[in-house]
C-alpha atoms as a PDB file:
ATOM      1  CA  UNK A   1      11.961   9.647  73.906  1.00  0.00           C
ATOM      2  CA  UNK A   2      13.264  12.500  75.041  1.00  0.00           C
ATOM      3  CA  UNK A   3      12.729  15.984  74.087  1.00  0.00           C
ATOM      4  CA  UNK A   4      15.091  19.464  73.947  1.00  0.00           C
ATOM      5  CA  UNK A   5      14.746  22.605  73.213  1.00  0.00           C
ATOM      6  CA  UNK A   6      17.782  24.910  72.238  1.00  0.00           C
ATOM      7  CA  UNK A   7      17.721  27.643  74.761  1.00  0.00           C
ATOM      8  CA  UNK A   8      19.332  29.610  71.522  1.00  0.00           C
ATOM      9  CA  UNK A   9      16.493  29.319  69.265  1.00  0.00           C
ATOM     10  CA  UNK A  10      12.998  29.653  71.438  1.00  0.00           C
ATOM     11  CA  UNK A  11      11.209  33.001  71.115  1.00  0.00           C
ATOM     12  CA  UNK A  12       8.479  31.717  73.930  1.00  0.00           C
ATOM     13  CA  UNK A  13       5.504  31.343  71.746  1.00  0.00           C
ATOM     14  CA  UNK A  14       4.358  29.552  73.834  1.00  0.00           C
ATOM     15  CA  UNK A  15       2.345  26.972  71.144  1.00  0.00           C
ATOM     16  CA  UNK A  16       4.473  23.834  73.016  1.00  0.00           C
ATOM     17  CA  UNK A  17       3.149  25.063  76.548  1.00  0.00           C
ATOM     18  CA  UNK A  18      -0.467  24.854  74.479  1.00  0.00           C
ATOM     19  CA  UNK A  19      -0.306  22.104  72.747  1.00  0.00           C
ATOM     20  CA  UNK A  20       0.895  19.840  75.570  1.00  0.00           C
ATOM     21  CA  UNK A  21       1.650  22.038  78.918  1.00  0.00           C
ATOM     22  CA  UNK A  22       1.458  18.751  80.167  1.00  0.00           C
ATOM     23  CA  UNK A  23       5.545  18.197  79.439  1.00  0.00           C
ATOM     24  CA  UNK A  24       5.701  22.066  78.083  1.00  0.00           C
ATOM     25  CA  UNK A  25       5.734  25.339  80.871  1.00  0.00           C
ATOM     26  CA  UNK A  26       7.244  28.607  79.949  1.00  0.00           C
ATOM     27  CA  UNK A  27       9.445  29.995  82.407  1.00  0.00           C
ATOM     28  CA  UNK A  28       9.478  33.332  84.568  1.00  0.00           C
ATOM     29  CA  UNK A  29      11.072  35.239  81.183  1.00  0.00           C
ATOM     30  CA  UNK A  30       8.658  33.234  78.743  1.00  0.00           C
ATOM     31  CA  UNK A  31      11.454  30.725  77.176  1.00  0.00           C
ATOM     32  CA  UNK A  32       9.112  26.985  76.830  1.00  0.00           C
ATOM     33  CA  UNK A  33      10.501  24.524  79.730  1.00  0.00           C
ATOM     34  CA  UNK A  34      10.278  20.394  79.445  1.00  0.00           C
ATOM     35  CA  UNK A  35       8.798  19.626  83.592  1.00  0.00           C
ATOM     36  CA  UNK A  36      10.592  17.753  85.939  1.00  0.00           C
ATOM     37  CA  UNK A  37       9.966  14.616  85.282  1.00  0.00           C
ATOM     38  CA  UNK A  38       8.585  15.233  81.725  1.00  0.00           C
ATOM     39  CA  UNK A  39      12.557  15.007  79.523  1.00  0.00           C
ATOM     40  CA  UNK A  40      10.329  11.709  77.907  1.00  0.00           C
ATOM     41  CA  UNK A  41       8.221  13.586  78.104  1.00  0.00           C
ATOM     42  CA  UNK A  42       5.854  11.160  79.419  1.00  0.00           C
ATOM     43  CA  UNK A  43       3.809   9.108  77.842  1.00  0.00           C
ATOM     44  CA  UNK A  44       1.897  12.482  76.332  1.00  0.00           C
ATOM     45  CA  UNK A  45       0.941  12.099  72.703  1.00  0.00           C
ATOM     46  CA  UNK A  46       0.847  15.899  72.025  1.00  0.00           C
ATOM     47  CA  UNK A  47       4.636  16.151  71.728  1.00  0.00           C
ATOM     48  CA  UNK A  48       5.739  15.331  69.073  1.00  0.00           C
ATOM     49  CA  UNK A  49       3.233  18.013  67.552  1.00  0.00           C
ATOM     50  CA  UNK A  50       3.779  20.469  70.435  1.00  0.00           C
ATOM     51  CA  UNK A  51       7.236  20.812  69.016  1.00  0.00           C
ATOM     52  CA  UNK A  52       5.487  20.756  64.872  1.00  0.00           C
ATOM     53  CA  UNK A  53       4.160  23.198  66.279  1.00  0.00           C
ATOM     54  CA  UNK A  54       7.214  25.409  67.582  1.00  0.00           C
ATOM     55  CA  UNK A  55       7.577  28.326  65.102  1.00  0.00           C
ATOM     56  CA  UNK A  56      11.526  28.165  65.361  1.00  0.00           C
ATOM     57  CA  UNK A  57      11.757  24.625  65.259  1.00  0.00           C
ATOM     58  CA  UNK A  58      13.681  25.013  68.806  1.00  0.00           C
ATOM     59  CA  UNK A  59      12.107  21.280  70.433  1.00  0.00           C
ATOM     60  CA  UNK A  60      13.557  18.333  69.050  1.00  0.00           C
ATOM     61  CA  UNK A  61      11.505  14.779  70.361  1.00  0.00           C
ATOM     62  CA  UNK A  62      13.987  12.017  69.371  1.00  0.00           C
ATOM     63  CA  UNK A  63      13.422   8.012  70.696  1.00  0.00           C
ATOM     64  CA  UNK A  64      15.866   7.089  73.034  1.00  0.00           C
ATOM     65  CA  UNK A  65      19.213   5.805  71.922  1.00  0.00           C
ATOM     66  CA  UNK A  66      19.142   7.898  68.791  1.00  0.00           C
END
């Protein structure tokens, strides 16, 4: 799995960090980031739900090789 956040789309709603805090955080400006070492989702079952929770669709979760 591969996770990416489009910084041009992210509005800093924080739904991803609330849904999957073991994978997502917010930077000093309030925008979402993937935690270091969790770029592959870290096996967290809530990663896809966190992506769906993003109100602006800034998060993309894809299978590796896709």
